[in-house]
Amino acid sequence: DKFGRTTTYDFRPDRGNYCGSRAEPGYATFLNDETGTSAYVNANFKINDNAELYGSLLYGRNETKTDSGSLFWIPNLGTPIQGYIIDDSDKSFIQYQRIFSPEETGGVNKYITKSDFYNVALGLRGSFGDSTWEYDAYYSRSQYDLKDQQKWPLAADIEDFFLDHFMGPAVGSYYGYPTYLPDQAAFYQALTPEEYASFQGEIRTHSKTWTHNVNLMLTNTNLVDLPAGPLGVAALV
């Protein structure tokens, strides 16, 4: 009843019979689940004829969920034997592979990315000196926060889980391959989401970037009159 009730006893050419679902590859995402919200506010307040306060705020939040597909367990994966064992009951040479269904994992997306960003500015502008000088002073800040989390099995914990629930302790070795007395019925027994969570870890990253500025600009477009026209000046700090 896993993978949406598509699990069957099937045959793979050159590999033999297996119990699984041909729908399993379809659980990887290509078009990701994404939600986003943004808002923008702009305001002005006139203090007098020569001064005006102004400000703006842009804010946004996004969340993306992705899934690279079903994870799986193979005993002793990453070691020279690459998952092959000997079943001590009949001396058969076996490689077990256990693919986890969405029903077992709880249907939770394994990779979630959240981002928050904002841009805020607050300033004062106006004129002085018979309105010949104009000024614009403001502070601005932009920030981007990125957080992501990814569920991932812990190697030691998942090995211990399947040793306890299925493989049992090694009873010896044969030409370098460990021998076990695996419980075949337990191998095909579906896990609960709680059991799956018991050997999961979480990879987390958090990054933050920001920039902020203080600006002062002074301008006078008619500082002095010259034969060719007025002389203007501008200064920016």
C-alpha atoms as a PDB file:
ATOM      1  CA  ASP A   1       0.000   0.000   0.000  1.00  0.00           C
ATOM      2  CA  LYS A   2       3.033   2.303  -0.317  1.00  0.00           C
ATOM      3  CA  PHE A   3       3.826   4.822  -3.054  1.00  0.00           C
ATOM      4  CA  GLY A   4       0.112   5.472  -3.441  1.00  0.00           C
ATOM      5  CA  ARG A   5      -0.765   1.749  -3.498  1.00  0.00           C
ATOM      6  CA  THR A   6       1.491   1.066  -6.486  1.00  0.00           C
ATOM      7  CA  THR A   7       3.888  -1.325  -4.718  1.00  0.00           C
ATOM      8  CA  THR A   8       3.929  -4.773  -6.355  1.00  0.00           C
ATOM      9  CA  TYR A   9       6.069  -7.889  -6.674  1.00  0.00           C
ATOM     10  CA  ASP A  10       7.945  -7.118  -9.891  1.00  0.00           C
ATOM     11  CA  PHE A  11      10.823  -8.294 -12.080  1.00  0.00           C
ATOM     12  CA  ARG A  12      13.892  -6.377 -13.222  1.00  0.00           C
ATOM     13  CA  PRO A  13      15.814  -7.796 -16.212  1.00  0.00           C
ATOM     14  CA  ASP A  14      19.250  -9.162 -15.263  1.00  0.00           C
ATOM     15  CA  ARG A  15      18.550  -8.370 -11.595  1.00  0.00           C
ATOM     16  CA  GLY A  16      15.696 -10.650 -10.615  1.00  0.00           C
ATOM     17  CA  ASN A  17      12.479 -10.214  -8.657  1.00  0.00           C
ATOM     18  CA  TYR A  18      11.889  -7.407  -6.212  1.00  0.00           C
ATOM     19  CA  CYS A  19       9.097  -5.760  -4.271  1.00  0.00           C
ATOM     20  CA  GLY A  20       8.738  -2.104  -5.221  1.00  0.00           C
ATOM     21  CA  SER A  21       6.991   0.555  -7.233  1.00  0.00           C
ATOM     22  CA  ARG A  22       7.618   1.777 -10.761  1.00  0.00           C
ATOM     23  CA  ALA A  23       6.022   5.061  -9.698  1.00  0.00           C
ATOM     24  CA  GLU A  24       8.869   5.781  -7.269  1.00  0.00           C
ATOM     25  CA  PRO A  25      10.865   8.069  -9.647  1.00  0.00           C
ATOM     26  CA  GLY A  26       7.806  10.285  -9.988  1.00  0.00           C
ATOM     27  CA  TYR A  27       8.124  11.468  -6.395  1.00  0.00           C
ATOM     28  CA  ALA A  28      11.108  13.702  -7.226  1.00  0.00           C
ATOM     29  CA  THR A  29      10.163  17.318  -7.894  1.00  0.00           C
ATOM     30  CA  PHE A  30      10.910  19.173 -11.114  1.00  0.00           C
ATOM     31  CA  LEU A  31       8.600  22.165 -10.614  1.00  0.00           C
ATOM     32  CA  ASN A  32       9.105  23.060  -6.978  1.00  0.00           C
ATOM     33  CA  ASP A  33       6.491  24.173  -4.468  1.00  0.00           C
ATOM     34  CA  GLU A  34       7.068  27.894  -3.961  1.00  0.00           C
ATOM     35  CA  THR A  35       5.177  30.629  -2.130  1.00  0.00           C
ATOM     36  CA  GLY A  36       6.075  34.297  -1.961  1.00  0.00           C
ATOM     37  CA  THR A  37       4.818  37.513  -0.391  1.00  0.00           C
ATOM     38  CA  SER A  38       6.005  41.072  -0.925  1.00  0.00           C
ATOM     39  CA  ALA A  39       4.889  44.549   0.156  1.00  0.00           C
ATOM     40  CA  TYR A  40       5.964  48.099  -0.616  1.00  0.00           C
ATOM     41  CA  VAL A  41       5.194  51.304   1.310  1.00  0.00           C
ATOM     42  CA  ASN A  42       6.243  54.851   0.424  1.00  0.00           C
ATOM     43  CA  ALA A  43       5.432  57.953   2.503  1.00  0.00           C
ATOM     44  CA  ASN A  44       6.158  61.695   2.552  1.00  0.00           C
ATOM     45  CA  PHE A  45       5.537  64.291   5.260  1.00  0.00           C
ATOM     46  CA  LYS A  46       5.976  67.996   4.679  1.00  0.00           C
ATOM     47  CA  ILE A  47       7.356  69.700   7.797  1.00  0.00           C
ATOM     48  CA  ASN A  48       7.371  73.209   6.309  1.00  0.00           C
ATOM     49  CA  ASP A  49       8.094  74.954   3.032  1.00  0.00           C
ATOM     50  CA  ASN A  50      11.807  74.097   3.333  1.00  0.00           C
ATOM     51  CA  ALA A  51      11.829  70.581   4.788  1.00  0.00           C
ATOM     52  CA  GLU A  52      10.200  67.276   3.937  1.00  0.00           C
ATOM     53  CA  LEU A  53      10.551  63.841   5.532  1.00  0.00           C
ATOM     54  CA  TYR A  54      10.283  60.808   3.292  1.00  0.00           C
ATOM     55  CA  GLY A  55      10.663  57.074   3.621  1.00  0.00           C
ATOM     56  CA  SER A  56      10.089  53.780   1.853  1.00  0.00           C
ATOM     57  CA  LEU A  57      10.026  50.118   2.768  1.00  0.00           C
ATOM     58  CA  LEU A  58      10.145  47.063   0.516  1.00  0.00           C
ATOM     59  CA  TYR A  59       9.747  43.652   2.165  1.00  0.00           C
ATOM     60  CA  GLY A  60       9.517  40.143   0.767  1.00  0.00           C
ATOM     61  CA  ARG A  61       9.412  36.526   1.936  1.00  0.00           C
ATOM     62  CA  ASN A  62       9.779  33.336  -0.116  1.00  0.00           C
ATOM     63  CA  GLU A  63       9.638  29.647   0.736  1.00  0.00           C
ATOM     64  CA  THR A  64      10.592  26.805  -1.595  1.00  0.00           C
ATOM     65  CA  LYS A  65      10.114  23.081  -1.000  1.00  0.00           C
ATOM     66  CA  THR A  66      11.917  20.475  -3.090  1.00  0.00           C
ATOM     67  CA  ASP A  67      12.355  16.722  -3.050  1.00  0.00           C
ATOM     68  CA  SER A  68      15.162  14.906  -4.838  1.00  0.00           C
ATOM     69  CA  GLY A  69      13.303  11.625  -4.620  1.00  0.00           C
ATOM     70  CA  SER A  70      13.148   8.648  -2.272  1.00  0.00           C
ATOM     71  CA  LEU A  71      16.156   7.888  -0.095  1.00  0.00           C
ATOM     72  CA  PHE A  72      17.251   4.309   0.505  1.00  0.00           C
ATOM     73  CA  TRP A  73      19.324   2.108   2.772  1.00  0.00           C
ATOM     74  CA  ILE A  74      21.858  -0.560   1.804  1.00  0.00           C
ATOM     75  CA  PRO A  75      23.785  -2.370   4.562  1.00  0.00           C
ATOM     76  CA  ASN A  76      27.408  -1.313   4.926  1.00  0.00           C
ATOM     77  CA  LEU A  77      27.117   1.158   2.046  1.00  0.00           C
ATOM     78  CA  GLY A  78      30.407   2.967   1.439  1.00  0.00           C
ATOM     79  CA  THR A  79      32.532   0.033   2.610  1.00  0.00           C
ATOM     80  CA  PRO A  80      34.480  -2.361   0.334  1.00  0.00           C
ATOM     81  CA  ILE A  81      31.641  -4.932   0.413  1.00  0.00           C
ATOM     82  CA  GLN A  82      29.105  -2.303  -0.884  1.00  0.00           C
ATOM     83  CA  GLY A  83      26.091  -3.819   0.802  1.00  0.00           C
ATOM     84  CA  TYR A  84      26.625  -7.476  -0.086  1.00  0.00           C
ATOM     85  CA  ILE A  85      26.157  -9.946   2.755  1.00  0.00           C
ATOM     86  CA  ILE A  86      25.818 -13.680   3.264  1.00  0.00           C
ATOM     87  CA  ASP A  87      22.550 -15.081   4.613  1.00  0.00           C
ATOM     88  CA  ASP A  88      23.841 -17.671   7.081  1.00  0.00           C
ATOM     89  CA  SER A  89      20.639 -19.721   6.857  1.00  0.00           C
ATOM     90  CA  ASP A  90      21.325 -20.857   3.275  1.00  0.00           C
ATOM     91  CA  LYS A  91      24.712 -19.212   2.484  1.00  0.00           C
ATOM     92  CA  SER A  92      23.089 -17.083  -0.243  1.00  0.00           C
ATOM     93  CA  PHE A  93      24.888 -13.980  -1.505  1.00  0.00           C
ATOM     94  CA  ILE A  94      22.512 -11.019  -1.168  1.00  0.00           C
ATOM     95  CA  GLN A  95      22.429  -7.260  -1.478  1.00  0.00           C
ATOM     96  CA  TYR A  96      19.453  -5.737   0.293  1.00  0.00           C
ATOM     97  CA  GLN A  97      18.090  -2.351  -0.736  1.00  0.00           C
ATOM     98  CA  ARG A  98      15.338  -0.612   1.233  1.00  0.00           C
ATOM     99  CA  ILE A  99      13.706   2.412  -0.472  1.00  0.00           C
ATOM    100  CA  PHE A 100      11.623   4.627   1.803  1.00  0.00           C
ATOM    101  CA  SER A 101       8.131   5.546   0.642  1.00  0.00           C
ATOM    102  CA  PRO A 102       6.429   8.922   1.224  1.00  0.00           C
ATOM    103  CA  GLU A 103       4.014   7.193   3.607  1.00  0.00           C
ATOM    104  CA  GLU A 104       6.973   6.114   5.757  1.00  0.00           C
ATOM    105  CA  THR A 105       8.756   9.463   5.694  1.00  0.00           C
ATOM    106  CA  GLY A 106       5.597  11.385   6.564  1.00  0.00           C
ATOM    107  CA  GLY A 107       5.397  13.020   3.156  1.00  0.00           C
ATOM    108  CA  VAL A 108       7.595  15.891   4.303  1.00  0.00           C
ATOM    109  CA  ASN A 109       9.665  17.691   1.678  1.00  0.00           C
ATOM    110  CA  LYS A 110      13.297  16.976   2.407  1.00  0.00           C
ATOM    111  CA  TYR A 111      14.697  20.353   1.361  1.00  0.00           C
ATOM    112  CA  ILE A 112      13.118  23.635   2.461  1.00  0.00           C
ATOM    113  CA  THR A 113      14.557  27.078   1.675  1.00  0.00           C
ATOM    114  CA  LYS A 114      13.252  30.262   3.294  1.00  0.00           C
ATOM    115  CA  SER A 115      14.373  33.769   2.409  1.00  0.00           C
ATOM    116  CA  ASP A 116      13.493  37.202   3.781  1.00  0.00           C
ATOM    117  CA  PHE A 117      14.621  40.492   2.315  1.00  0.00           C
ATOM    118  CA  TYR A 118      13.932  44.163   2.891  1.00  0.00           C
ATOM    119  CA  ASN A 119      15.062  47.567   1.722  1.00  0.00           C
ATOM    120  CA  VAL A 120      14.336  50.582   3.911  1.00  0.00           C
ATOM    121  CA  ALA A 121      15.189  54.252   3.416  1.00  0.00           C
ATOM    122  CA  LEU A 122      14.482  57.310   5.588  1.00  0.00           C
ATOM    123  CA  GLY A 123      15.485  60.818   4.630  1.00  0.00           C
ATOM    124  CA  LEU A 124      15.090  64.568   4.975  1.00  0.00           C
ATOM    125  CA  ARG A 125      15.246  66.975   2.045  1.00  0.00           C
ATOM    126  CA  GLY A 126      14.619  70.624   1.481  1.00  0.00           C
ATOM    127  CA  SER A 127      16.372  73.951   1.087  1.00  0.00           C
ATOM    128  CA  PHE A 128      17.948  76.786   3.081  1.00  0.00           C
ATOM    129  CA  GLY A 129      19.655  80.129   2.513  1.00  0.00           C
ATOM    130  CA  ASP A 130      16.827  81.824   0.645  1.00  0.00           C
ATOM    131  CA  SER A 131      16.183  78.456  -1.007  1.00  0.00           C
ATOM    132  CA  THR A 132      19.371  78.673  -3.075  1.00  0.00           C
ATOM    133  CA  TRP A 133      20.875  75.646  -1.345  1.00  0.00           C
ATOM    134  CA  GLU A 134      19.116  72.296  -1.562  1.00  0.00           C
ATOM    135  CA  TYR A 135      19.933  69.286   0.576  1.00  0.00           C
ATOM    136  CA  ASP A 136      19.003  65.613   0.684  1.00  0.00           C
ATOM    137  CA  ALA A 137      20.130  63.515   3.662  1.00  0.00           C
ATOM    138  CA  TYR A 138      19.023  59.911   4.011  1.00  0.00           C
ATOM    139  CA  TYR A 139      19.866  56.531   5.507  1.00  0.00           C
ATOM    140  CA  SER A 140      19.187  53.290   3.632  1.00  0.00           C
ATOM    141  CA  ARG A 141      19.650  49.636   4.490  1.00  0.00           C
ATOM    142  CA  SER A 142      19.112  46.427   2.513  1.00  0.00           C
ATOM    143  CA  GLN A 143      19.241  42.937   4.034  1.00  0.00           C
ATOM    144  CA  TYR A 144      18.809  39.393   2.740  1.00  0.00           C
ATOM    145  CA  ASP A 145      18.328  36.388   5.036  1.00  0.00           C
ATOM    146  CA  LEU A 146      18.537  32.841   3.699  1.00  0.00           C
ATOM    147  CA  LYS A 147      17.802  29.705   5.707  1.00  0.00           C
ATOM    148  CA  ASP A 148      17.571  26.151   4.457  1.00  0.00           C
ATOM    149  CA  GLN A 149      17.083  22.802   6.119  1.00  0.00           C
ATOM    150  CA  GLN A 150      17.358  19.291   4.783  1.00  0.00           C
ATOM    151  CA  LYS A 151      16.435  16.010   6.427  1.00  0.00           C
ATOM    152  CA  TRP A 152      19.098  13.343   5.972  1.00  0.00           C
ATOM    153  CA  PRO A 153      19.720   9.908   7.546  1.00  0.00           C
ATOM    154  CA  LEU A 154      22.595   9.623  10.001  1.00  0.00           C
ATOM    155  CA  ALA A 155      24.884   6.764   8.946  1.00  0.00           C
ATOM    156  CA  ALA A 156      25.452   5.219  12.363  1.00  0.00           C
ATOM    157  CA  ASP A 157      21.816   5.607  13.478  1.00  0.00           C
ATOM    158  CA  ILE A 158      20.295   4.064  10.351  1.00  0.00           C
ATOM    159  CA  GLU A 159      22.714   1.118  10.508  1.00  0.00           C
ATOM    160  CA  ASP A 160      21.838   0.527  14.172  1.00  0.00           C
ATOM    161  CA  PHE A 161      18.117   0.734  13.384  1.00  0.00           C
ATOM    162  CA  PHE A 162      18.218  -1.954  10.707  1.00  0.00           C
ATOM    163  CA  LEU A 163      20.549  -4.156  12.723  1.00  0.00           C
ATOM    164  CA  ASP A 164      17.986  -4.070  15.537  1.00  0.00           C
ATOM    165  CA  HIS A 165      14.872  -4.437  13.359  1.00  0.00           C
ATOM    166  CA  PHE A 166      16.008  -6.686  10.549  1.00  0.00           C
ATOM    167  CA  MET A 167      19.617  -7.822  10.195  1.00  0.00           C
ATOM    168  CA  GLY A 168      20.507  -8.795  13.711  1.00  0.00           C
ATOM    169  CA  PRO A 169      24.149  -8.961  14.782  1.00  0.00           C
ATOM    170  CA  ALA A 170      26.748 -10.449  12.432  1.00  0.00           C
ATOM    171  CA  VAL A 171      27.264 -14.145  13.189  1.00  0.00           C
ATOM    172  CA  GLY A 172      30.551 -14.519  11.307  1.00  0.00           C
ATOM    173  CA  SER A 173      32.128 -13.866   7.930  1.00  0.00           C
ATOM    174  CA  TYR A 174      32.719 -15.731   4.692  1.00  0.00           C
ATOM    175  CA  TYR A 175      35.554 -14.674   2.383  1.00  0.00           C
ATOM    176  CA  GLY A 176      35.434 -11.179   3.870  1.00  0.00           C
ATOM    177  CA  TYR A 177      31.657 -10.823   3.675  1.00  0.00           C
ATOM    178  CA  PRO A 178      29.733 -10.643   6.972  1.00  0.00           C
ATOM    179  CA  THR A 179      27.102 -13.287   7.582  1.00  0.00           C
ATOM    180  CA  TYR A 180      23.732 -12.510   9.151  1.00  0.00           C
ATOM    181  CA  LEU A 181      20.449 -14.219   9.928  1.00  0.00           C
ATOM    182  CA  PRO A 182      18.122 -11.515   8.592  1.00  0.00           C
ATOM    183  CA  ASP A 183      14.420 -11.469   9.416  1.00  0.00           C
ATOM    184  CA  GLN A 184      12.828 -11.479   5.951  1.00  0.00           C
ATOM    185  CA  ALA A 185       9.371 -10.531   7.226  1.00  0.00           C
ATOM    186  CA  ALA A 186      10.772  -7.501   9.053  1.00  0.00           C
ATOM    187  CA  PHE A 187      12.507  -6.329   5.875  1.00  0.00           C
ATOM    188  CA  TYR A 188       9.142  -5.902   4.115  1.00  0.00           C
ATOM    189  CA  GLN A 189       7.432  -4.383   7.143  1.00  0.00           C
ATOM    190  CA  ALA A 190       6.576  -0.719   6.546  1.00  0.00           C
ATOM    191  CA  LEU A 191       8.096   1.827   8.915  1.00  0.00           C
ATOM    192  CA  THR A 192       6.107   4.435  10.753  1.00  0.00           C
ATOM    193  CA  PRO A 193       7.020   8.123  10.300  1.00  0.00           C
ATOM    194  CA  GLU A 194       8.198   8.086  13.923  1.00  0.00           C
ATOM    195  CA  GLU A 195      10.575   5.180  13.242  1.00  0.00           C
ATOM    196  CA  TYR A 196      11.876   6.932  10.127  1.00  0.00           C
ATOM    197  CA  ALA A 197      12.459  10.137  12.105  1.00  0.00           C
ATOM    198  CA  SER A 198      14.463   8.218  14.727  1.00  0.00           C
ATOM    199  CA  PHE A 199      17.516   7.948  12.446  1.00  0.00           C
ATOM    200  CA  GLN A 200      17.199  11.338  10.734  1.00  0.00           C
ATOM    201  CA  GLY A 201      19.460  14.303  11.166  1.00  0.00           C
ATOM    202  CA  GLU A 202      19.053  17.792   9.760  1.00  0.00           C
ATOM    203  CA  ILE A 203      21.459  19.844   7.691  1.00  0.00           C
ATOM    204  CA  ARG A 204      20.946  23.556   8.338  1.00  0.00           C
ATOM    205  CA  THR A 205      22.535  26.653   6.849  1.00  0.00           C
ATOM    206  CA  HIS A 206      21.872  30.293   7.614  1.00  0.00           C
ATOM    207  CA  SER A 207      23.387  33.200   5.752  1.00  0.00           C
ATOM    208  CA  LYS A 208      22.769  36.909   6.084  1.00  0.00           C
ATOM    209  CA  THR A 209      24.007  39.760   3.920  1.00  0.00           C
ATOM    210  CA  TRP A 210      23.354  43.461   4.282  1.00  0.00           C
ATOM    211  CA  THR A 211      24.473  46.867   3.127  1.00  0.00           C
ATOM    212  CA  HIS A 212      23.676  50.249   4.625  1.00  0.00           C
ATOM    213  CA  ASN A 213      24.487  53.801   3.618  1.00  0.00           C
ATOM    214  CA  VAL A 214      24.323  57.319   4.996  1.00  0.00           C
ATOM    215  CA  ASN A 215      24.197  59.982   2.295  1.00  0.00           C
ATOM    216  CA  LEU A 216      24.290  63.777   2.345  1.00  0.00           C
ATOM    217  CA  MET A 217      23.967  65.782  -0.855  1.00  0.00           C
ATOM    218  CA  LEU A 218      24.172  69.599  -1.179  1.00  0.00           C
ATOM    219  CA  THR A 219      23.449  71.442  -4.409  1.00  0.00           C
ATOM    220  CA  ASN A 220      23.262  75.043  -5.520  1.00  0.00           C
ATOM    221  CA  THR A 221      22.474  75.628  -9.178  1.00  0.00           C
ATOM    222  CA  ASN A 222      23.097  79.362  -9.012  1.00  0.00           C
ATOM    223  CA  LEU A 223      25.972  80.039  -6.692  1.00  0.00           C
ATOM    224  CA  VAL A 224      27.413  82.956  -8.737  1.00  0.00           C
ATOM    225  CA  ASP A 225      26.495  84.618 -12.001  1.00  0.00           C
ATOM    226  CA  LEU A 226      29.228  84.554 -14.641  1.00  0.00           C
ATOM    227  CA  PRO A 227      29.278  86.051 -18.144  1.00  0.00           C
ATOM    228  CA  ALA A 228      28.508  82.634 -19.660  1.00  0.00           C
ATOM    229  CA  GLY A 229      25.767  81.866 -17.143  1.00  0.00           C
ATOM    230  CA  PRO A 230      25.300  80.841 -13.520  1.00  0.00           C
ATOM    231  CA  LEU A 231      27.882  78.678 -11.735  1.00  0.00           C
ATOM    232  CA  GLY A 232      26.470  75.722  -9.827  1.00  0.00           C
ATOM    233  CA  VAL A 233      28.042  73.349  -7.291  1.00  0.00           C
ATOM    234  CA  ALA A 234      27.179  69.936  -5.884  1.00  0.00           C
ATOM    235  CA  ALA A 235      28.697  67.946  -3.036  1.00  0.00           C
ATOM    236  CA  LEU A 236      28.015  64.338  -2.029  1.00  0.00           C
ATOM    237  CA  VAL A 237      29.211  62.647   1.149  1.00  0.00           C
END
